[in-house]
Amino acid sequence: MRKRTPERFRWRSAVAGVTKVAGKLRGLDRVRVEEPVREMVLDLYDIDLRREVILDARRAGVDLDRGEVLPHATLADLRRLSYLAGVDVGRIGRYTKLPEGFGDPIDTAASIVVARTLSEYHRRRAHKLWLNAPDPDGPSPLRKHELIMLERADQERYESERWAALAKALIQGG
């Protein structure tokens, strides 16, 4: 099994299913399920697949990365990257615990998951606003509230792009 070329979708869905179950377990039961999965994931040759599987597991509450796959980052790195991306680092702090000191390490996987989730949230809001607004090239001119709705959709899209940029920067190690 380890010598076969991994199929991305099958691996991600299989590990996501197992980690969803493992996330609910506690103690030795959790270790018995988590450790073999972790070893198999770390043996994957495809670096991108390994990273995405680890992030999928983290989304389910299971930490398969102990510093082998994702880059280490400190709170100072996160603050710098969030400033460069133009997002508020405090929003990440609402969903994951951030350390007190600037030099202290952060949970990189959790920060990436939160940034991706916020990016997806803003992307969906933008699409919802665009779908509710009439076609700007339509026969009738747009009313003031429709123009405001389209402006808000553009703002949401830009916010989504900024959060996606932060997630990408965290993955690449700043």
C-alpha atoms as a PDB file:
ATOM      1  CA  MET A   1       0.000   0.000   0.000  1.00  0.00           C
ATOM      2  CA  ARG A   2       2.816   2.406   0.783  1.00  0.00           C
ATOM      3  CA  LYS A   3       4.417   1.841  -2.625  1.00  0.00           C
ATOM      4  CA  ARG A   4       1.315   2.786  -4.618  1.00  0.00           C
ATOM      5  CA  THR A   5       1.021   6.294  -5.959  1.00  0.00           C
ATOM      6  CA  PRO A   6      -1.451   8.044  -3.654  1.00  0.00           C
ATOM      7  CA  GLU A   7      -4.735   9.229  -5.096  1.00  0.00           C
ATOM      8  CA  ARG A   8      -5.302  12.637  -3.555  1.00  0.00           C
ATOM      9  CA  PHE A   9      -9.064  12.562  -3.195  1.00  0.00           C
ATOM     10  CA  ARG A  10      -9.193   9.049  -1.766  1.00  0.00           C
ATOM     11  CA  TRP A  11      -6.420   9.732   0.744  1.00  0.00           C
ATOM     12  CA  ARG A  12      -7.926  12.983   1.914  1.00  0.00           C
ATOM     13  CA  SER A  13     -11.403  11.530   2.328  1.00  0.00           C
ATOM     14  CA  ALA A  14     -10.135   8.366   4.039  1.00  0.00           C
ATOM     15  CA  VAL A  15      -7.944  10.195   6.529  1.00  0.00           C
ATOM     16  CA  ALA A  16     -10.669  12.784   7.118  1.00  0.00           C
ATOM     17  CA  GLY A  17     -13.091   9.993   8.036  1.00  0.00           C
ATOM     18  CA  VAL A  18     -10.654   8.352  10.433  1.00  0.00           C
ATOM     19  CA  THR A  19      -9.618  11.618  12.069  1.00  0.00           C
ATOM     20  CA  LYS A  20     -13.242  12.630  12.506  1.00  0.00           C
ATOM     21  CA  VAL A  21     -13.731   9.496  14.597  1.00  0.00           C
ATOM     22  CA  ALA A  22     -10.368   9.886  16.365  1.00  0.00           C
ATOM     23  CA  GLY A  23     -11.189  13.473  17.284  1.00  0.00           C
ATOM     24  CA  LYS A  24     -14.045  12.256  19.483  1.00  0.00           C
ATOM     25  CA  LEU A  25     -11.923   9.697  21.343  1.00  0.00           C
ATOM     26  CA  ARG A  26      -9.839  10.377  24.446  1.00  0.00           C
ATOM     27  CA  GLY A  27      -6.818   8.816  26.126  1.00  0.00           C
ATOM     28  CA  LEU A  28      -5.304   5.534  24.943  1.00  0.00           C
ATOM     29  CA  ASP A  29      -8.123   4.872  22.496  1.00  0.00           C
ATOM     30  CA  ARG A  30      -7.266   8.068  20.678  1.00  0.00           C
ATOM     31  CA  VAL A  31      -3.540   7.266  20.643  1.00  0.00           C
ATOM     32  CA  ARG A  32      -4.218   3.777  19.230  1.00  0.00           C
ATOM     33  CA  VAL A  33      -6.086   5.293  16.299  1.00  0.00           C
ATOM     34  CA  GLU A  34      -4.068   8.479  15.818  1.00  0.00           C
ATOM     35  CA  GLU A  35      -0.486   7.169  15.801  1.00  0.00           C
ATOM     36  CA  PRO A  36      -0.796   4.599  12.960  1.00  0.00           C
ATOM     37  CA  VAL A  37      -2.604   7.184  10.835  1.00  0.00           C
ATOM     38  CA  ARG A  38       0.095   9.735  11.607  1.00  0.00           C
ATOM     39  CA  GLU A  39       2.848   7.311  10.571  1.00  0.00           C
ATOM     40  CA  MET A  40       1.106   6.512   7.279  1.00  0.00           C
ATOM     41  CA  VAL A  41       0.585  10.186   6.507  1.00  0.00           C
ATOM     42  CA  LEU A  42       4.218  11.037   7.249  1.00  0.00           C
ATOM     43  CA  ASP A  43       5.314   8.256   4.872  1.00  0.00           C
ATOM     44  CA  LEU A  44       3.533   9.880   1.917  1.00  0.00           C
ATOM     45  CA  TYR A  45       5.924  11.034  -0.799  1.00  0.00           C
ATOM     46  CA  ASP A  46       3.616  13.765  -2.096  1.00  0.00           C
ATOM     47  CA  ILE A  47       4.461  16.771   0.081  1.00  0.00           C
ATOM     48  CA  ASP A  48       1.359  18.757  -0.894  1.00  0.00           C
ATOM     49  CA  LEU A  49      -0.941  15.821  -0.188  1.00  0.00           C
ATOM     50  CA  ARG A  50       0.745  15.239   3.175  1.00  0.00           C
ATOM     51  CA  ARG A  51       0.257  18.893   4.120  1.00  0.00           C
ATOM     52  CA  GLU A  52      -3.405  18.942   3.058  1.00  0.00           C
ATOM     53  CA  VAL A  53      -4.161  15.685   4.889  1.00  0.00           C
ATOM     54  CA  ILE A  54      -2.612  17.133   8.048  1.00  0.00           C
ATOM     55  CA  LEU A  55      -4.697  20.305   7.695  1.00  0.00           C
ATOM     56  CA  ASP A  56      -7.851  18.227   7.119  1.00  0.00           C
ATOM     57  CA  ALA A  57      -7.082  16.288  10.289  1.00  0.00           C
ATOM     58  CA  ARG A  58      -6.510  19.514  12.224  1.00  0.00           C
ATOM     59  CA  ARG A  59      -9.884  20.764  11.033  1.00  0.00           C
ATOM     60  CA  ALA A  60     -11.355  17.654  12.690  1.00  0.00           C
ATOM     61  CA  GLY A  61      -9.456  18.386  15.914  1.00  0.00           C
ATOM     62  CA  VAL A  62      -6.614  15.888  15.479  1.00  0.00           C
ATOM     63  CA  ASP A  63      -3.012  17.119  15.439  1.00  0.00           C
ATOM     64  CA  LEU A  64      -0.967  14.833  13.170  1.00  0.00           C
ATOM     65  CA  ASP A  65       1.871  17.331  12.690  1.00  0.00           C
ATOM     66  CA  ARG A  66       4.516  17.584  15.353  1.00  0.00           C
ATOM     67  CA  GLY A  67       6.770  19.901  13.428  1.00  0.00           C
ATOM     68  CA  GLU A  68       7.645  17.538  10.586  1.00  0.00           C
ATOM     69  CA  VAL A  69       5.458  18.979   7.821  1.00  0.00           C
ATOM     70  CA  LEU A  70       4.283  22.519   8.495  1.00  0.00           C
ATOM     71  CA  PRO A  71       6.805  25.290   9.175  1.00  0.00           C
ATOM     72  CA  HIS A  72       7.251  26.600  12.694  1.00  0.00           C
ATOM     73  CA  ALA A  73       5.906  30.097  13.273  1.00  0.00           C
ATOM     74  CA  THR A  74       5.877  32.421  16.252  1.00  0.00           C
ATOM     75  CA  LEU A  75       3.342  35.009  17.299  1.00  0.00           C
ATOM     76  CA  ALA A  76       5.663  37.674  15.874  1.00  0.00           C
ATOM     77  CA  ASP A  77       5.627  35.879  12.504  1.00  0.00           C
ATOM     78  CA  LEU A  78       1.843  35.654  12.583  1.00  0.00           C
ATOM     79  CA  ARG A  79       1.498  39.345  13.454  1.00  0.00           C
ATOM     80  CA  ARG A  80       3.924  40.347  10.703  1.00  0.00           C
ATOM     81  CA  LEU A  81       2.216  38.175   8.086  1.00  0.00           C
ATOM     82  CA  SER A  82      -1.252  39.332   9.096  1.00  0.00           C
ATOM     83  CA  TYR A  83      -0.099  42.964   8.872  1.00  0.00           C
ATOM     84  CA  LEU A  84       1.326  42.343   5.396  1.00  0.00           C
ATOM     85  CA  ALA A  85      -1.874  40.578   4.307  1.00  0.00           C
ATOM     86  CA  GLY A  86      -4.006  43.360   5.762  1.00  0.00           C
ATOM     87  CA  VAL A  87      -6.040  41.242   8.186  1.00  0.00           C
ATOM     88  CA  ASP A  88      -6.691  41.424  11.926  1.00  0.00           C
ATOM     89  CA  VAL A  89      -4.731  38.807  13.874  1.00  0.00           C
ATOM     90  CA  GLY A  90      -7.285  39.137  16.675  1.00  0.00           C
ATOM     91  CA  ARG A  91      -9.830  37.294  14.558  1.00  0.00           C
ATOM     92  CA  ILE A  92      -7.577  34.226  14.575  1.00  0.00           C
ATOM     93  CA  GLY A  93      -7.342  34.563  18.350  1.00  0.00           C
ATOM     94  CA  ARG A  94     -11.115  34.162  18.593  1.00  0.00           C
ATOM     95  CA  TYR A  95     -10.930  30.632  17.220  1.00  0.00           C
ATOM     96  CA  THR A  96      -7.577  29.307  18.407  1.00  0.00           C
ATOM     97  CA  LYS A  97      -5.396  30.023  21.407  1.00  0.00           C
ATOM     98  CA  LEU A  98      -2.534  32.373  20.671  1.00  0.00           C
ATOM     99  CA  PRO A  99       0.523  32.574  22.963  1.00  0.00           C
ATOM    100  CA  GLU A 100       1.318  35.551  25.176  1.00  0.00           C
ATOM    101  CA  GLY A 101       4.911  36.284  24.112  1.00  0.00           C
ATOM    102  CA  PHE A 102       6.031  37.352  20.644  1.00  0.00           C
ATOM    103  CA  GLY A 103       8.681  34.647  20.434  1.00  0.00           C
ATOM    104  CA  ASP A 104       6.366  31.839  21.524  1.00  0.00           C
ATOM    105  CA  PRO A 105       5.321  29.280  18.889  1.00  0.00           C
ATOM    106  CA  ILE A 106       1.778  29.267  17.532  1.00  0.00           C
ATOM    107  CA  ASP A 107      -0.342  26.350  16.403  1.00  0.00           C
ATOM    108  CA  THR A 108       0.450  26.788  12.717  1.00  0.00           C
ATOM    109  CA  ALA A 109      -2.065  24.211  11.499  1.00  0.00           C
ATOM    110  CA  ALA A 110      -4.903  25.778  13.481  1.00  0.00           C
ATOM    111  CA  SER A 111      -3.976  29.257  12.256  1.00  0.00           C
ATOM    112  CA  ILE A 112      -3.974  28.074   8.634  1.00  0.00           C
ATOM    113  CA  VAL A 113      -7.331  26.344   9.097  1.00  0.00           C
ATOM    114  CA  VAL A 114      -8.840  29.497  10.640  1.00  0.00           C
ATOM    115  CA  ALA A 115      -7.436  31.730   7.878  1.00  0.00           C
ATOM    116  CA  ARG A 116      -8.775  29.410   5.171  1.00  0.00           C
ATOM    117  CA  THR A 117     -12.161  29.214   6.870  1.00  0.00           C
ATOM    118  CA  LEU A 118     -12.412  33.000   7.107  1.00  0.00           C
ATOM    119  CA  SER A 119     -11.379  33.284   3.459  1.00  0.00           C
ATOM    120  CA  GLU A 120     -14.102  30.853   2.438  1.00  0.00           C
ATOM    121  CA  TYR A 121     -16.653  32.687   4.594  1.00  0.00           C
ATOM    122  CA  HIS A 122     -15.943  36.029   2.929  1.00  0.00           C
ATOM    123  CA  ARG A 123     -15.887  34.428  -0.524  1.00  0.00           C
ATOM    124  CA  ARG A 124     -19.334  32.940   0.041  1.00  0.00           C
ATOM    125  CA  ARG A 125     -20.689  36.257   1.327  1.00  0.00           C
ATOM    126  CA  ALA A 126     -19.401  37.992  -1.796  1.00  0.00           C
ATOM    127  CA  HIS A 127     -21.029  35.420  -4.059  1.00  0.00           C
ATOM    128  CA  LYS A 128     -24.300  35.662  -2.180  1.00  0.00           C
ATOM    129  CA  LEU A 129     -24.324  39.439  -2.610  1.00  0.00           C
ATOM    130  CA  TRP A 130     -23.491  39.157  -6.310  1.00  0.00           C
ATOM    131  CA  LEU A 131     -26.304  36.665  -6.820  1.00  0.00           C
ATOM    132  CA  ASN A 132     -28.819  38.961  -5.106  1.00  0.00           C
ATOM    133  CA  ALA A 133     -27.856  41.998  -7.180  1.00  0.00           C
ATOM    134  CA  PRO A 134     -29.207  42.467 -10.701  1.00  0.00           C
ATOM    135  CA  ASP A 135     -26.958  42.342 -13.724  1.00  0.00           C
ATOM    136  CA  PRO A 136     -25.044  45.646 -14.039  1.00  0.00           C
ATOM    137  CA  ASP A 137     -25.206  45.310 -17.837  1.00  0.00           C
ATOM    138  CA  GLY A 138     -28.973  44.775 -17.746  1.00  0.00           C
ATOM    139  CA  PRO A 139     -31.590  46.950 -19.426  1.00  0.00           C
ATOM    140  CA  SER A 140     -32.455  49.074 -16.391  1.00  0.00           C
ATOM    141  CA  PRO A 141     -29.960  51.195 -14.450  1.00  0.00           C
ATOM    142  CA  LEU A 142     -28.903  50.035 -11.010  1.00  0.00           C
ATOM    143  CA  ARG A 143     -30.486  51.648  -7.985  1.00  0.00           C
ATOM    144  CA  LYS A 144     -28.447  53.077  -5.128  1.00  0.00           C
ATOM    145  CA  HIS A 145     -28.921  50.077  -2.803  1.00  0.00           C
ATOM    146  CA  GLU A 146     -27.925  47.706  -5.611  1.00  0.00           C
ATOM    147  CA  LEU A 147     -24.731  49.673  -6.195  1.00  0.00           C
ATOM    148  CA  ILE A 148     -24.003  49.513  -2.464  1.00  0.00           C
ATOM    149  CA  MET A 149     -24.591  45.755  -2.550  1.00  0.00           C
ATOM    150  CA  LEU A 150     -22.109  45.339  -5.420  1.00  0.00           C
ATOM    151  CA  GLU A 151     -19.521  47.478  -3.605  1.00  0.00           C
ATOM    152  CA  ARG A 152     -19.967  45.351  -0.492  1.00  0.00           C
ATOM    153  CA  ALA A 153     -19.508  42.199  -2.587  1.00  0.00           C
ATOM    154  CA  ASP A 154     -16.213  43.564  -3.893  1.00  0.00           C
ATOM    155  CA  GLN A 155     -15.088  44.362  -0.332  1.00  0.00           C
ATOM    156  CA  GLU A 156     -15.928  40.806   0.758  1.00  0.00           C
ATOM    157  CA  ARG A 157     -13.982  39.398  -2.193  1.00  0.00           C
ATOM    158  CA  TYR A 158     -10.918  41.480  -1.284  1.00  0.00           C
ATOM    159  CA  GLU A 159     -11.214  40.364   2.352  1.00  0.00           C
ATOM    160  CA  SER A 160     -11.358  36.755   1.162  1.00  0.00           C
ATOM    161  CA  GLU A 161      -8.227  37.242  -0.914  1.00  0.00           C
ATOM    162  CA  ARG A 162      -6.374  38.749   2.059  1.00  0.00           C
ATOM    163  CA  TRP A 163      -7.218  35.810   4.347  1.00  0.00           C
ATOM    164  CA  ALA A 164      -6.209  33.365   1.605  1.00  0.00           C
ATOM    165  CA  ALA A 165      -2.893  35.220   1.259  1.00  0.00           C
ATOM    166  CA  LEU A 166      -2.266  34.866   4.999  1.00  0.00           C
ATOM    167  CA  ALA A 167      -2.972  31.119   4.871  1.00  0.00           C
ATOM    168  CA  LYS A 168      -0.631  30.727   1.910  1.00  0.00           C
ATOM    169  CA  ALA A 169       2.116  32.722   3.639  1.00  0.00           C
ATOM    170  CA  LEU A 170       1.807  30.569   6.771  1.00  0.00           C
ATOM    171  CA  ILE A 171       2.077  27.407   4.670  1.00  0.00           C
ATOM    172  CA  GLN A 172       5.183  28.696   2.897  1.00  0.00           C
ATOM    173  CA  GLY A 173       6.787  29.726   6.153  1.00  0.00           C
ATOM    174  CA  GLY A 174       6.566  33.487   5.800  1.00  0.00           C
END
